[in-house]
Structures are given as structure tokens and as C-alpha cells.
């Protein structure tokens, strides 16, 4: 992969378990964690937005999922 402009999350502490994000050349969002930087998760902006909203509000997205008792 070409050189990417990785940015550290402002919520990450200075010395441990930092989360980094970069824009992919194809419009995707790339995520990695400082302890294992070779493992990169790829998603799309809308999907990441849905995850962030769910985390902030404490609700789980239900699209494509069935609820379990």
C-alpha cells in the first residue's frame, strides 16, 4: 500500500493502545491499532459513521441482524 497519512485518535492515550485512521485511495476508511499495525481494517465512511453513532448513543445497529433474547 502506498504511504498513507495515518492520524492518531485524539481519544488514544500517549503510550498505549493507540488507534490510527487514514483515508484510503479508493475513498475507504482504514483503521489500525498501535500494538498490531500490520492488521488494517477497511470500511466505508457511512458504515464507520453508523458504528460511531451507535457507540455514542449506546444503541446497536440492527440492519442485517436479528435480535437475540
Protein backbone atom coordinates (compact mmCIF):
# COMPACT_ATOMS: atom_id res chain seq x y z
CA UNK A 1 0.00 0.00 0.00
CA UNK A 2 1.28 3.49 -0.78
CA UNK A 3 2.28 5.80 2.03
CA UNK A 4 -0.82 6.80 3.96
CA UNK A 5 -1.38 9.77 6.21
CA UNK A 6 -2.16 7.93 9.46
CA UNK A 7 -3.67 10.10 12.19
CA UNK A 8 -3.83 9.08 15.83
CA UNK A 9 -7.20 9.26 17.52
CA UNK A 10 -7.47 12.14 19.97
CA UNK A 11 -9.03 9.66 22.43
CA UNK A 12 -5.92 7.47 22.47
CA UNK A 13 -3.55 7.83 25.40
CA UNK A 14 0.04 8.84 24.74
CA UNK A 15 1.76 5.49 25.30
CA UNK A 16 -0.67 2.61 24.87
CA UNK A 17 -3.23 1.07 22.56
CA UNK A 18 -3.46 3.94 20.10
CA UNK A 19 -5.99 3.81 17.29
CA UNK A 20 -4.98 5.28 13.94
CA UNK A 21 -7.16 6.23 10.97
CA UNK A 22 -6.30 7.02 7.34
CA UNK A 23 -8.17 7.73 4.15
CA UNK A 24 -7.71 5.02 1.54
CA UNK A 25 -7.01 5.98 -2.08
CA UNK A 26 -10.38 4.49 -3.08
CA UNK A 27 -12.44 6.50 -0.57
CA UNK A 28 -12.43 3.86 2.14
CA UNK A 29 -11.50 4.45 5.77
CA UNK A 30 -8.58 2.44 7.15
CA UNK A 31 -8.15 1.69 10.85
CA UNK A 32 -5.25 0.12 12.73
CA UNK A 33 -4.10 -0.29 16.32
CA UNK A 34 -0.60 0.56 17.52
CA UNK A 35 0.06 -2.89 19.02
CA UNK A 36 -0.52 -4.60 15.65
CA UNK A 37 -0.02 -2.00 12.88
CA UNK A 38 0.15 -4.62 10.11
CA UNK A 39 -3.51 -5.51 10.69
CA UNK A 40 -5.65 -2.92 8.93
CA UNK A 41 -9.44 -2.83 8.97
CA UNK A 42 -11.14 -1.31 5.94
CA UNK A 43 -14.62 0.21 5.93
CA UNK A 44 -16.64 2.91 4.22
CA UNK A 45 -17.37 6.33 5.74
CA UNK A 46 -21.12 5.67 6.12
CA UNK A 47 -20.53 2.36 7.91
CA UNK A 48 -17.98 3.92 10.25
CA UNK A 49 -20.43 6.75 10.94
CA UNK A 50 -23.11 4.22 11.88
CA UNK A 51 -20.70 2.49 14.28
CA UNK A 52 -19.63 5.76 15.90
CA UNK A 53 -23.25 6.86 16.33
CA UNK A 54 -24.12 3.50 17.91
CA UNK A 55 -21.17 3.75 20.30
CA UNK A 56 -22.08 7.30 21.31
CA UNK A 57 -25.76 6.55 21.85
CA UNK A 58 -25.38 3.05 23.27
CA UNK A 59 -27.56 1.53 20.57
CA UNK A 60 -26.57 -1.33 18.32
CA UNK A 61 -27.28 -1.11 14.59
CA UNK A 62 -29.97 -3.64 13.60
CA UNK A 63 -29.57 -3.70 9.83
CA UNK A 64 -28.80 -7.25 8.76
CA UNK A 65 -29.02 -8.59 12.30
CA UNK A 66 -31.69 -10.49 14.14
CA UNK A 67 -32.26 -9.75 17.79
CA UNK A 68 -31.41 -12.44 20.30
CA UNK A 69 -33.31 -12.89 23.58
